[in-house]
Amino acid sequence: MRAIQIDATGGPDVLKLVEVPAPEPKPGQILIRNQAIGLNFIDTYHRSGLYPLKLPSGLGMEGAGVVEAVGEGVTRFSVGDLAAYASGPIGAYAELHAVNAERAVKPPAGIDAQVAAGALLKGMTAEFLLRRCYAVKAGDHILVHAAAGGVGSILVQWGKALGAVVIATAGSQDKAERARSLGADHVILYRDADVAAEVRRITNGAGVPVAYDSVGAATFEGTLASLAKRGLFVSFGNASGPPPAIAPARLMQAGSVFLTRPTMGDYLLTTAELDASAAALFEVIKSGKVKIDIGQTFPLAEARKAHEAMEGRDTVGASLLIP
């Protein structure tokens, strides 16, 4: 089968299309013939070495397709089922992928492979950020960075569905317009404006009770300065580079605020938590309150081009590789 692998970490040029033997499902696993593969910023962290992998390695955490074979003991899926996964193992950039049946879900009728692969990782991230990391309530002002991106676009829509007042940031006028079209109440061009000053103006000086920051280094100080007293800073990405280390005293000085660096795996520890998160996501998609925009697709062989587009911030919404 065809797959993308890396033998060394580095830029997009380390991505290689190779022929490798098709995997066999082990006990507890299902073999999925991918119809769509989700592209996520974490893939670039694995490729660059920011999040180390044992090399050589495949890439990719997310995909959806038809179950081609089931391993011993699997009762959760049958051959021919549509299955989607977002928890790995690493190696989704391939025509076939063997995954743990307990870490995959069945998309309901009306959710196809492309929507599932474009939504699952980013959407379940949005689910735990909005509903469990901080339980957003109607009337809350929330700050969402990179609001035109994959996770950001879902956070904006789902936040509005929960009744929040969404303050979004974007890196260009085009992306600002996209954030507005998704329902953002206020949009700040973070390269051109003082984000914290704008947030204080919008909130009459109070700041926001929660801020979602996937950008990292470039927005860290502005996010910290945007928080209300006892507010929560949710740092969940490194798009502009890793956020800086911070002395605990700065959290006190900023208003007795909290800083968390969550990862989805810790919010989906059990199959029950996975199923509940996916069900909430699929329900909000089917309701029409959250629309999954597949902004761009790339053939599997063009994974390098896809990574260049992601890191160049030239993508909007979800991005997919198509085997």
C-alpha atoms as a PDB file:
ATOM      1  CA  MET A   1       0.000   0.000   0.000  1.00  0.00           C
ATOM      2  CA  ARG A   2       1.032   3.639  -0.342  1.00  0.00           C
ATOM      3  CA  ALA A   3       1.896   5.625   2.775  1.00  0.00           C
ATOM      4  CA  ILE A   4       3.724   8.773   3.824  1.00  0.00           C
ATOM      5  CA  GLN A   5       6.746   8.228   6.065  1.00  0.00           C
ATOM      6  CA  ILE A   6       9.606  10.217   7.552  1.00  0.00           C
ATOM      7  CA  ASP A   7      13.126   8.931   8.168  1.00  0.00           C
ATOM      8  CA  ALA A   8      14.285  12.165   9.808  1.00  0.00           C
ATOM      9  CA  THR A   9      12.614  15.183  11.357  1.00  0.00           C
ATOM     10  CA  GLY A  10      12.586  18.547   9.642  1.00  0.00           C
ATOM     11  CA  GLY A  11      10.587  20.589   7.162  1.00  0.00           C
ATOM     12  CA  PRO A  12       7.897  19.387   4.762  1.00  0.00           C
ATOM     13  CA  ASP A  13      10.604  18.041   2.445  1.00  0.00           C
ATOM     14  CA  VAL A  14      11.162  15.050   4.799  1.00  0.00           C
ATOM     15  CA  LEU A  15       7.741  13.634   3.853  1.00  0.00           C
ATOM     16  CA  LYS A  16       8.165  10.693   1.482  1.00  0.00           C
ATOM     17  CA  LEU A  17       5.581   8.616  -0.371  1.00  0.00           C
ATOM     18  CA  VAL A  18       6.575   4.955  -0.025  1.00  0.00           C
ATOM     19  CA  GLU A  19       5.214   1.472  -0.678  1.00  0.00           C
ATOM     20  CA  VAL A  20       4.904  -0.583   2.500  1.00  0.00           C
ATOM     21  CA  PRO A  21       3.195  -3.875   3.370  1.00  0.00           C
ATOM     22  CA  ALA A  22      -0.462  -3.578   4.298  1.00  0.00           C
ATOM     23  CA  PRO A  23      -0.990  -3.994   8.061  1.00  0.00           C
ATOM     24  CA  GLU A  24      -2.873  -6.905   9.569  1.00  0.00           C
ATOM     25  CA  PRO A  25      -5.299  -6.131  12.403  1.00  0.00           C
ATOM     26  CA  LYS A  26      -4.107  -7.459  15.735  1.00  0.00           C
ATOM     27  CA  PRO A  27      -6.517  -8.651  18.435  1.00  0.00           C
ATOM     28  CA  GLY A  28      -8.767  -5.749  19.363  1.00  0.00           C
ATOM     29  CA  GLN A  29      -7.968  -3.828  16.183  1.00  0.00           C
ATOM     30  CA  ILE A  30      -9.840  -2.993  12.987  1.00  0.00           C
ATOM     31  CA  LEU A  31      -8.277  -2.422   9.581  1.00  0.00           C
ATOM     32  CA  ILE A  32      -9.695   0.676   7.882  1.00  0.00           C
ATOM     33  CA  ARG A  33      -9.362   1.523   4.216  1.00  0.00           C
ATOM     34  CA  ASN A  34      -9.099   5.275   4.504  1.00  0.00           C
ATOM     35  CA  GLN A  35     -11.413   7.350   2.332  1.00  0.00           C
ATOM     36  CA  ALA A  36     -10.274  10.612   3.890  1.00  0.00           C
ATOM     37  CA  ILE A  37      -7.405  11.527   6.221  1.00  0.00           C
ATOM     38  CA  GLY A  38      -7.537  14.513   8.539  1.00  0.00           C
ATOM     39  CA  LEU A  39      -4.680  17.009   8.469  1.00  0.00           C
ATOM     40  CA  ASN A  40      -3.904  18.610  11.823  1.00  0.00           C
ATOM     41  CA  PHE A  41      -1.252  20.953  13.159  1.00  0.00           C
ATOM     42  CA  ILE A  42      -0.054  18.238  15.534  1.00  0.00           C
ATOM     43  CA  ASP A  43       1.159  16.393  12.425  1.00  0.00           C
ATOM     44  CA  THR A  44       3.639  19.209  11.769  1.00  0.00           C
ATOM     45  CA  TYR A  45       4.868  18.982  15.369  1.00  0.00           C
ATOM     46  CA  HIS A  46       5.559  15.265  14.888  1.00  0.00           C
ATOM     47  CA  ARG A  47       7.258  15.902  11.551  1.00  0.00           C
ATOM     48  CA  SER A  48       9.453  18.721  12.887  1.00  0.00           C
ATOM     49  CA  GLY A  49      10.506  16.838  16.009  1.00  0.00           C
ATOM     50  CA  LEU A  50       8.774  19.226  18.435  1.00  0.00           C
ATOM     51  CA  TYR A  51       6.830  16.164  19.600  1.00  0.00           C
ATOM     52  CA  PRO A  52       9.410  13.369  19.183  1.00  0.00           C
ATOM     53  CA  LEU A  53       8.642  10.086  17.415  1.00  0.00           C
ATOM     54  CA  LYS A  54      10.646   6.917  17.031  1.00  0.00           C
ATOM     55  CA  LEU A  55      11.982   6.977  13.452  1.00  0.00           C
ATOM     56  CA  PRO A  56      11.274   5.931  10.786  1.00  0.00           C
ATOM     57  CA  SER A  57       7.624   6.705  11.299  1.00  0.00           C
ATOM     58  CA  GLY A  58       4.358   7.313   9.571  1.00  0.00           C
ATOM     59  CA  LEU A  59       2.359  10.454  10.292  1.00  0.00           C
ATOM     60  CA  GLY A  60      -1.231  11.366  11.000  1.00  0.00           C
ATOM     61  CA  MET A  61      -3.717  10.704  13.790  1.00  0.00           C
ATOM     62  CA  GLU A  62      -7.099  10.974  12.102  1.00  0.00           C
ATOM     63  CA  GLY A  63      -9.044   9.351   9.302  1.00  0.00           C
ATOM     64  CA  ALA A  64     -12.247   7.710   8.231  1.00  0.00           C
ATOM     65  CA  GLY A  65     -13.142   4.894   5.900  1.00  0.00           C
ATOM     66  CA  VAL A  66     -14.597   1.430   5.572  1.00  0.00           C
ATOM     67  CA  VAL A  67     -13.660  -1.437   7.878  1.00  0.00           C
ATOM     68  CA  GLU A  68     -11.878  -4.021   5.736  1.00  0.00           C
ATOM     69  CA  ALA A  69     -11.009  -6.568   8.428  1.00  0.00           C
ATOM     70  CA  VAL A  70     -11.473  -7.060  12.164  1.00  0.00           C
ATOM     71  CA  GLY A  71      -9.059  -8.562  14.644  1.00  0.00           C
ATOM     72  CA  GLU A  72      -9.777 -11.239  17.185  1.00  0.00           C
ATOM     73  CA  GLY A  73     -12.243 -10.232  19.883  1.00  0.00           C
ATOM     74  CA  VAL A  74     -13.687  -7.202  18.116  1.00  0.00           C
ATOM     75  CA  THR A  75     -17.447  -6.832  18.522  1.00  0.00           C
ATOM     76  CA  ARG A  76     -17.744  -3.038  18.210  1.00  0.00           C
ATOM     77  CA  PHE A  77     -17.384  -3.069  14.385  1.00  0.00           C
ATOM     78  CA  SER A  78     -18.106  -5.363  11.467  1.00  0.00           C
ATOM     79  CA  VAL A  79     -16.558  -5.521   8.010  1.00  0.00           C
ATOM     80  CA  GLY A  80     -18.191  -2.877   5.829  1.00  0.00           C
ATOM     81  CA  ASP A  81     -18.916  -0.398   8.641  1.00  0.00           C
ATOM     82  CA  LEU A  82     -17.896   3.233   8.294  1.00  0.00           C
ATOM     83  CA  ALA A  83     -15.389   3.996  11.042  1.00  0.00           C
ATOM     84  CA  ALA A  84     -13.573   7.145  12.091  1.00  0.00           C
ATOM     85  CA  TYR A  85     -10.670   7.660  14.471  1.00  0.00           C
ATOM     86  CA  ALA A  86      -8.691  10.578  15.861  1.00  0.00           C
ATOM     87  CA  SER A  87      -6.523   9.084  18.583  1.00  0.00           C
ATOM     88  CA  GLY A  88      -3.934   7.336  16.472  1.00  0.00           C
ATOM     89  CA  PRO A  89      -1.853   5.297  16.460  1.00  0.00           C
ATOM     90  CA  ILE A  90       0.419   7.441  14.297  1.00  0.00           C
ATOM     91  CA  GLY A  91       0.263   6.386  10.664  1.00  0.00           C
ATOM     92  CA  ALA A  92      -3.035   7.664   9.268  1.00  0.00           C
ATOM     93  CA  TYR A  93      -1.297   9.056   6.157  1.00  0.00           C
ATOM     94  CA  ALA A  94      -1.798   5.752   4.346  1.00  0.00           C
ATOM     95  CA  GLU A  95      -4.285   3.840   2.250  1.00  0.00           C
ATOM     96  CA  LEU A  96      -4.908   1.371   5.101  1.00  0.00           C
ATOM     97  CA  HIS A  97      -4.562   1.838   8.832  1.00  0.00           C
ATOM     98  CA  ALA A  98      -5.005  -0.565  11.758  1.00  0.00           C
ATOM     99  CA  VAL A  99      -6.499   1.087  14.837  1.00  0.00           C
ATOM    100  CA  ASN A 100      -7.796  -0.002  18.223  1.00  0.00           C
ATOM    101  CA  ALA A 101     -11.509  -0.695  17.857  1.00  0.00           C
ATOM    102  CA  GLU A 102     -12.158   0.851  21.277  1.00  0.00           C
ATOM    103  CA  ARG A 103     -10.660   4.154  20.052  1.00  0.00           C
ATOM    104  CA  ALA A 104     -12.728   4.406  16.857  1.00  0.00           C
ATOM    105  CA  VAL A 105     -16.335   5.512  16.437  1.00  0.00           C
ATOM    106  CA  LYS A 106     -19.178   4.869  14.000  1.00  0.00           C
ATOM    107  CA  PRO A 107     -20.357   8.096  12.367  1.00  0.00           C
ATOM    108  CA  PRO A 108     -24.159   8.241  12.226  1.00  0.00           C
ATOM    109  CA  ALA A 109     -26.186   8.363   9.023  1.00  0.00           C
ATOM    110  CA  GLY A 110     -25.713  11.701   7.338  1.00  0.00           C
ATOM    111  CA  ILE A 111     -22.038  12.038   8.351  1.00  0.00           C
ATOM    112  CA  ASP A 112     -19.797  10.824   5.528  1.00  0.00           C
ATOM    113  CA  ALA A 113     -16.104   9.923   5.636  1.00  0.00           C
ATOM    114  CA  GLN A 114     -14.894  13.365   4.578  1.00  0.00           C
ATOM    115  CA  VAL A 115     -16.944  15.191   7.206  1.00  0.00           C
ATOM    116  CA  ALA A 116     -15.922  12.650   9.867  1.00  0.00           C
ATOM    117  CA  ALA A 117     -12.219  12.919   9.000  1.00  0.00           C
ATOM    118  CA  GLY A 118     -12.438  16.699   8.852  1.00  0.00           C
ATOM    119  CA  ALA A 119     -14.354  17.003  12.093  1.00  0.00           C
ATOM    120  CA  LEU A 120     -13.421  14.332  14.604  1.00  0.00           C
ATOM    121  CA  LEU A 121     -10.097  15.435  16.091  1.00  0.00           C
ATOM    122  CA  LYS A 122     -10.793  19.152  15.790  1.00  0.00           C
ATOM    123  CA  GLY A 123     -14.410  18.779  16.850  1.00  0.00           C
ATOM    124  CA  MET A 124     -13.756  16.618  19.887  1.00  0.00           C
ATOM    125  CA  THR A 125     -11.026  19.087  20.842  1.00  0.00           C
ATOM    126  CA  ALA A 126     -13.616  21.870  20.662  1.00  0.00           C
ATOM    127  CA  GLU A 127     -16.059  19.738  22.646  1.00  0.00           C
ATOM    128  CA  PHE A 128     -13.802  19.217  25.633  1.00  0.00           C
ATOM    129  CA  LEU A 129     -12.494  22.792  25.525  1.00  0.00           C
ATOM    130  CA  LEU A 130     -15.967  24.354  25.538  1.00  0.00           C
ATOM    131  CA  ARG A 131     -17.871  21.875  27.690  1.00  0.00           C
ATOM    132  CA  ARG A 132     -15.402  20.307  30.100  1.00  0.00           C
ATOM    133  CA  CYS A 133     -12.093  22.176  30.303  1.00  0.00           C
ATOM    134  CA  TYR A 134     -14.225  25.270  30.897  1.00  0.00           C
ATOM    135  CA  ALA A 135     -18.009  24.964  30.824  1.00  0.00           C
ATOM    136  CA  VAL A 136     -19.064  27.891  28.638  1.00  0.00           C
ATOM    137  CA  LYS A 137     -22.373  29.447  29.708  1.00  0.00           C
ATOM    138  CA  ALA A 138     -24.802  31.696  27.893  1.00  0.00           C
ATOM    139  CA  GLY A 139     -23.578  35.272  28.139  1.00  0.00           C
ATOM    140  CA  ASP A 140     -19.911  34.401  28.690  1.00  0.00           C
ATOM    141  CA  HIS A 141     -17.415  36.400  26.661  1.00  0.00           C
ATOM    142  CA  ILE A 142     -14.831  34.005  25.220  1.00  0.00           C
ATOM    143  CA  LEU A 143     -11.642  34.758  23.277  1.00  0.00           C
ATOM    144  CA  VAL A 144     -10.864  32.429  20.354  1.00  0.00           C
ATOM    145  CA  HIS A 145      -7.557  32.819  18.527  1.00  0.00           C
ATOM    146  CA  ALA A 146      -7.060  31.626  14.936  1.00  0.00           C
ATOM    147  CA  ALA A 147     -10.808  31.688  14.510  1.00  0.00           C
ATOM    148  CA  ALA A 148     -10.731  30.828  10.800  1.00  0.00           C
ATOM    149  CA  GLY A 149      -8.701  27.655  11.336  1.00  0.00           C
ATOM    150  CA  GLY A 150      -9.838  24.090  11.829  1.00  0.00           C
ATOM    151  CA  VAL A 151     -10.418  24.095  15.594  1.00  0.00           C
ATOM    152  CA  GLY A 152     -11.070  27.817  15.782  1.00  0.00           C
ATOM    153  CA  SER A 153     -13.920  27.729  13.280  1.00  0.00           C
ATOM    154  CA  ILE A 154     -15.663  25.033  15.331  1.00  0.00           C
ATOM    155  CA  LEU A 155     -15.046  26.870  18.608  1.00  0.00           C
ATOM    156  CA  VAL A 156     -16.677  30.004  17.182  1.00  0.00           C
ATOM    157  CA  GLN A 157     -19.780  28.179  15.957  1.00  0.00           C
ATOM    158  CA  TRP A 158     -20.189  25.923  18.984  1.00  0.00           C
ATOM    159  CA  GLY A 159     -19.496  28.804  21.348  1.00  0.00           C
ATOM    160  CA  LYS A 160     -22.314  30.761  19.702  1.00  0.00           C
ATOM    161  CA  ALA A 161     -24.579  27.712  19.963  1.00  0.00           C
ATOM    162  CA  LEU A 162     -23.916  27.724  23.724  1.00  0.00           C
ATOM    163  CA  GLY A 163     -24.908  31.395  23.898  1.00  0.00           C
ATOM    164  CA  ALA A 164     -21.434  32.900  24.312  1.00  0.00           C
ATOM    165  CA  VAL A 165     -20.289  36.279  23.047  1.00  0.00           C
ATOM    166  CA  VAL A 166     -17.357  35.296  20.829  1.00  0.00           C
ATOM    167  CA  ILE A 167     -14.342  37.572  20.461  1.00  0.00           C
ATOM    168  CA  ALA A 168     -12.285  36.112  17.628  1.00  0.00           C
ATOM    169  CA  THR A 169      -8.822  36.899  16.333  1.00  0.00           C
ATOM    170  CA  ALA A 170      -7.542  36.380  12.823  1.00  0.00           C
ATOM    171  CA  GLY A 171      -4.360  37.053  10.880  1.00  0.00           C
ATOM    172  CA  SER A 172      -5.807  38.687   7.765  1.00  0.00           C
ATOM    173  CA  GLN A 173      -8.865  40.545   6.516  1.00  0.00           C
ATOM    174  CA  ASP A 174     -10.035  37.487   4.575  1.00  0.00           C
ATOM    175  CA  LYS A 175      -9.833  35.314   7.679  1.00  0.00           C
ATOM    176  CA  ALA A 176     -11.524  38.022   9.718  1.00  0.00           C
ATOM    177  CA  GLU A 177     -14.447  37.976   7.285  1.00  0.00           C
ATOM    178  CA  ARG A 178     -14.608  34.212   7.579  1.00  0.00           C
ATOM    179  CA  ALA A 179     -14.746  34.465  11.380  1.00  0.00           C
ATOM    180  CA  ARG A 180     -17.623  36.934  11.106  1.00  0.00           C
ATOM    181  CA  SER A 181     -19.446  34.622   8.715  1.00  0.00           C
ATOM    182  CA  LEU A 182     -19.160  31.847  11.321  1.00  0.00           C
ATOM    183  CA  GLY A 183     -20.901  34.026  13.879  1.00  0.00           C
ATOM    184  CA  ALA A 184     -18.101  35.811  15.749  1.00  0.00           C
ATOM    185  CA  ASP A 185     -19.456  38.889  17.513  1.00  0.00           C
ATOM    186  CA  HIS A 186     -16.145  40.767  17.427  1.00  0.00           C
ATOM    187  CA  VAL A 187     -13.040  40.136  15.316  1.00  0.00           C
ATOM    188  CA  ILE A 188      -9.552  41.460  16.081  1.00  0.00           C
ATOM    189  CA  LEU A 189      -6.675  41.400  13.588  1.00  0.00           C
ATOM    190  CA  TYR A 190      -4.050  40.241  16.044  1.00  0.00           C
ATOM    191  CA  ARG A 191      -1.090  41.329  13.894  1.00  0.00           C
ATOM    192  CA  ASP A 192      -2.376  44.890  13.639  1.00  0.00           C
ATOM    193  CA  ALA A 193      -4.142  45.563  16.932  1.00  0.00           C
ATOM    194  CA  ASP A 194      -3.435  45.324  20.665  1.00  0.00           C
ATOM    195  CA  VAL A 195      -5.548  42.247  21.408  1.00  0.00           C
ATOM    196  CA  ALA A 196      -5.723  42.796  25.153  1.00  0.00           C
ATOM    197  CA  ALA A 197      -6.708  46.459  24.769  1.00  0.00           C
ATOM    198  CA  GLU A 198      -9.474  45.504  22.333  1.00  0.00           C
ATOM    199  CA  VAL A 199     -10.731  42.740  24.629  1.00  0.00           C
ATOM    200  CA  ARG A 200     -10.833  45.159  27.560  1.00  0.00           C
ATOM    201  CA  ARG A 201     -12.733  47.675  25.444  1.00  0.00           C
ATOM    202  CA  ILE A 202     -15.273  45.069  24.313  1.00  0.00           C
ATOM    203  CA  THR A 203     -15.791  43.752  27.858  1.00  0.00           C
ATOM    204  CA  ASN A 204     -15.896  47.189  29.521  1.00  0.00           C
ATOM    205  CA  GLY A 205     -12.596  46.506  31.213  1.00  0.00           C
ATOM    206  CA  ALA A 206     -13.504  43.131  32.713  1.00  0.00           C
ATOM    207  CA  GLY A 207     -11.612  40.782  30.410  1.00  0.00           C
ATOM    208  CA  VAL A 208     -12.743  37.300  29.430  1.00  0.00           C
ATOM    209  CA  PRO A 209     -13.319  34.351  31.777  1.00  0.00           C
ATOM    210  CA  VAL A 210     -11.689  31.985  29.270  1.00  0.00           C
ATOM    211  CA  ALA A 211      -9.321  32.364  26.325  1.00  0.00           C
ATOM    212  CA  TYR A 212      -8.509  29.622  23.805  1.00  0.00           C
ATOM    213  CA  ASP A 213      -5.041  30.041  22.310  1.00  0.00           C
ATOM    214  CA  SER A 214      -3.711  27.658  19.649  1.00  0.00           C
ATOM    215  CA  VAL A 215      -1.217  30.173  18.216  1.00  0.00           C
ATOM    216  CA  GLY A 216       1.376  29.970  20.972  1.00  0.00           C
ATOM    217  CA  ALA A 217       4.363  32.306  21.159  1.00  0.00           C
ATOM    218  CA  ALA A 218       2.962  35.189  19.108  1.00  0.00           C
ATOM    219  CA  THR A 219      -0.237  35.621  21.116  1.00  0.00           C
ATOM    220  CA  PHE A 220       0.775  34.481  24.591  1.00  0.00           C
ATOM    221  CA  GLU A 221       1.243  37.882  26.244  1.00  0.00           C
ATOM    222  CA  GLY A 222      -1.885  39.332  24.683  1.00  0.00           C
ATOM    223  CA  THR A 223      -3.933  36.361  25.833  1.00  0.00           C
ATOM    224  CA  LEU A 224      -2.624  36.571  29.396  1.00  0.00           C
ATOM    225  CA  ALA A 225      -3.471  40.277  29.523  1.00  0.00           C
ATOM    226  CA  SER A 226      -7.008  39.640  28.206  1.00  0.00           C
ATOM    227  CA  LEU A 227      -8.181  37.496  31.116  1.00  0.00           C
ATOM    228  CA  ALA A 228     -10.704  38.493  33.747  1.00  0.00           C
ATOM    229  CA  LYS A 229      -9.888  38.020  37.407  1.00  0.00           C
ATOM    230  CA  ARG A 230      -9.620  34.258  38.029  1.00  0.00           C
ATOM    231  CA  GLY A 231      -9.886  33.697  34.267  1.00  0.00           C
ATOM    232  CA  LEU A 232      -8.656  30.570  32.514  1.00  0.00           C
ATOM    233  CA  PHE A 233      -5.935  30.640  29.838  1.00  0.00           C
ATOM    234  CA  VAL A 234      -6.287  27.495  27.693  1.00  0.00           C
ATOM    235  CA  SER A 235      -3.076  27.050  25.700  1.00  0.00           C
ATOM    236  CA  PHE A 236      -3.524  24.198  23.249  1.00  0.00           C
ATOM    237  CA  GLY A 237      -1.271  24.811  20.260  1.00  0.00           C
ATOM    238  CA  ASN A 238       2.051  26.081  18.942  1.00  0.00           C
ATOM    239  CA  ALA A 239       1.265  27.427  15.468  1.00  0.00           C
ATOM    240  CA  SER A 240       3.725  30.335  15.876  1.00  0.00           C
ATOM    241  CA  GLY A 241       6.123  28.390  18.088  1.00  0.00           C
ATOM    242  CA  PRO A 242       5.900  27.054  21.645  1.00  0.00           C
ATOM    243  CA  PRO A 243       4.589  29.491  24.252  1.00  0.00           C
ATOM    244  CA  PRO A 244       7.165  30.758  26.742  1.00  0.00           C
ATOM    245  CA  ALA A 245       7.794  29.441  30.220  1.00  0.00           C
ATOM    246  CA  ILE A 246       6.016  31.468  32.871  1.00  0.00           C
ATOM    247  CA  ALA A 247       6.734  32.078  36.540  1.00  0.00           C
ATOM    248  CA  PRO A 248       3.812  31.196  38.826  1.00  0.00           C
ATOM    249  CA  ALA A 249       3.847  34.712  40.308  1.00  0.00           C
ATOM    250  CA  ARG A 250       2.780  36.122  36.934  1.00  0.00           C
ATOM    251  CA  LEU A 251      -0.530  34.257  37.222  1.00  0.00           C
ATOM    252  CA  MET A 252      -1.161  36.044  40.513  1.00  0.00           C
ATOM    253  CA  GLN A 253      -0.159  39.397  39.042  1.00  0.00           C
ATOM    254  CA  ALA A 254      -2.519  38.870  36.094  1.00  0.00           C
ATOM    255  CA  GLY A 255      -5.495  38.507  38.450  1.00  0.00           C
ATOM    256  CA  SER A 256      -5.143  35.119  40.141  1.00  0.00           C
ATOM    257  CA  VAL A 257      -5.646  33.507  36.738  1.00  0.00           C
ATOM    258  CA  PHE A 258      -5.272  29.861  35.749  1.00  0.00           C
ATOM    259  CA  LEU A 259      -3.170  28.403  32.941  1.00  0.00           C
ATOM    260  CA  THR A 260      -3.824  24.940  31.504  1.00  0.00           C
ATOM    261  CA  ARG A 261      -2.159  23.034  28.700  1.00  0.00           C
ATOM    262  CA  PRO A 262      -4.689  20.275  27.929  1.00  0.00           C
ATOM    263  CA  THR A 263      -4.408  17.374  25.538  1.00  0.00           C
ATOM    264  CA  MET A 264      -7.414  15.580  24.103  1.00  0.00           C
ATOM    265  CA  GLY A 265      -6.234  12.172  25.283  1.00  0.00           C
ATOM    266  CA  ASP A 266      -6.654  13.171  28.920  1.00  0.00           C
ATOM    267  CA  TYR A 267     -10.282  14.121  28.252  1.00  0.00           C
ATOM    268  CA  LEU A 268     -11.023  10.901  26.335  1.00  0.00           C
ATOM    269  CA  LEU A 269      -9.503   8.410  28.739  1.00  0.00           C
ATOM    270  CA  THR A 270     -12.208   5.782  28.304  1.00  0.00           C
ATOM    271  CA  THR A 271     -14.275   4.471  25.413  1.00  0.00           C
ATOM    272  CA  ALA A 272     -17.342   5.902  27.147  1.00  0.00           C
ATOM    273  CA  GLU A 273     -15.780   9.377  27.165  1.00  0.00           C
ATOM    274  CA  LEU A 274     -14.792   8.982  23.503  1.00  0.00           C
ATOM    275  CA  ASP A 275     -18.295   7.936  22.513  1.00  0.00           C
ATOM    276  CA  ALA A 276     -19.901  10.769  24.482  1.00  0.00           C
ATOM    277  CA  SER A 277     -17.615  13.386  22.975  1.00  0.00           C
ATOM    278  CA  ALA A 278     -18.101  12.107  19.422  1.00  0.00           C
ATOM    279  CA  ALA A 279     -21.865  11.873  19.935  1.00  0.00           C
ATOM    280  CA  ALA A 280     -22.040  15.483  21.136  1.00  0.00           C
ATOM    281  CA  LEU A 281     -20.009  16.563  18.107  1.00  0.00           C
ATOM    282  CA  PHE A 282     -22.088  14.650  15.578  1.00  0.00           C
ATOM    283  CA  GLU A 283     -25.293  15.926  17.196  1.00  0.00           C
ATOM    284  CA  VAL A 284     -24.256  19.584  16.910  1.00  0.00           C
ATOM    285  CA  ILE A 285     -23.177  19.034  13.290  1.00  0.00           C
ATOM    286  CA  LYS A 286     -26.452  17.343  12.360  1.00  0.00           C
ATOM    287  CA  SER A 287     -28.396  20.155  14.072  1.00  0.00           C
ATOM    288  CA  GLY A 288     -26.809  22.613  11.651  1.00  0.00           C
ATOM    289  CA  LYS A 289     -25.380  24.726  14.475  1.00  0.00           C
ATOM    290  CA  VAL A 290     -21.826  23.713  13.501  1.00  0.00           C
ATOM    291  CA  LYS A 291     -20.889  23.329   9.860  1.00  0.00           C
ATOM    292  CA  ILE A 292     -17.694  21.522   8.902  1.00  0.00           C
ATOM    293  CA  ASP A 293     -16.080  23.342   6.028  1.00  0.00           C
ATOM    294  CA  ILE A 294     -13.624  21.194   4.085  1.00  0.00           C
ATOM    295  CA  GLY A 295     -11.554  24.136   2.958  1.00  0.00           C
ATOM    296  CA  GLN A 296      -9.044  22.188   0.890  1.00  0.00           C
ATOM    297  CA  THR A 297      -8.147  18.622  -0.088  1.00  0.00           C
ATOM    298  CA  PHE A 298      -4.824  17.209  -1.287  1.00  0.00           C
ATOM    299  CA  PRO A 299      -3.948  13.854  -2.838  1.00  0.00           C
ATOM    300  CA  LEU A 300      -2.014  11.612  -0.448  1.00  0.00           C
ATOM    301  CA  ALA A 301       1.069  12.041  -2.632  1.00  0.00           C
ATOM    302  CA  GLU A 302       0.958  15.806  -2.029  1.00  0.00           C
ATOM    303  CA  ALA A 303       1.351  15.653   1.749  1.00  0.00           C
ATOM    304  CA  ARG A 304       4.379  17.956   1.485  1.00  0.00           C
ATOM    305  CA  LYS A 305       2.282  20.615  -0.268  1.00  0.00           C
ATOM    306  CA  ALA A 306      -0.408  20.213   2.401  1.00  0.00           C
ATOM    307  CA  HIS A 307       2.090  20.782   5.226  1.00  0.00           C
ATOM    308  CA  GLU A 308       3.503  23.839   3.462  1.00  0.00           C
ATOM    309  CA  ALA A 309      -0.003  25.272   3.210  1.00  0.00           C
ATOM    310  CA  MET A 310      -0.785  24.581   6.879  1.00  0.00           C
ATOM    311  CA  GLU A 311       2.436  26.104   8.160  1.00  0.00           C
ATOM    312  CA  GLY A 312       2.100  29.043   5.799  1.00  0.00           C
ATOM    313  CA  ARG A 313      -1.363  29.687   7.277  1.00  0.00           C
ATOM    314  CA  ASP A 314      -2.784  29.381   3.785  1.00  0.00           C
ATOM    315  CA  THR A 315      -5.625  27.056   4.805  1.00  0.00           C
ATOM    316  CA  VAL A 316      -9.123  27.721   6.073  1.00  0.00           C
ATOM    317  CA  GLY A 317     -11.407  25.278   7.825  1.00  0.00           C
ATOM    318  CA  ALA A 318     -10.516  21.609   7.656  1.00  0.00           C
ATOM    319  CA  SER A 319      -7.913  20.067   5.350  1.00  0.00           C
ATOM    320  CA  LEU A 320      -7.894  16.493   4.101  1.00  0.00           C
ATOM    321  CA  LEU A 321      -5.597  14.072   2.347  1.00  0.00           C
ATOM    322  CA  ILE A 322      -7.408  11.790  -0.092  1.00  0.00           C
ATOM    323  CA  PRO A 323      -5.758   8.383  -0.705  1.00  0.00           C
END
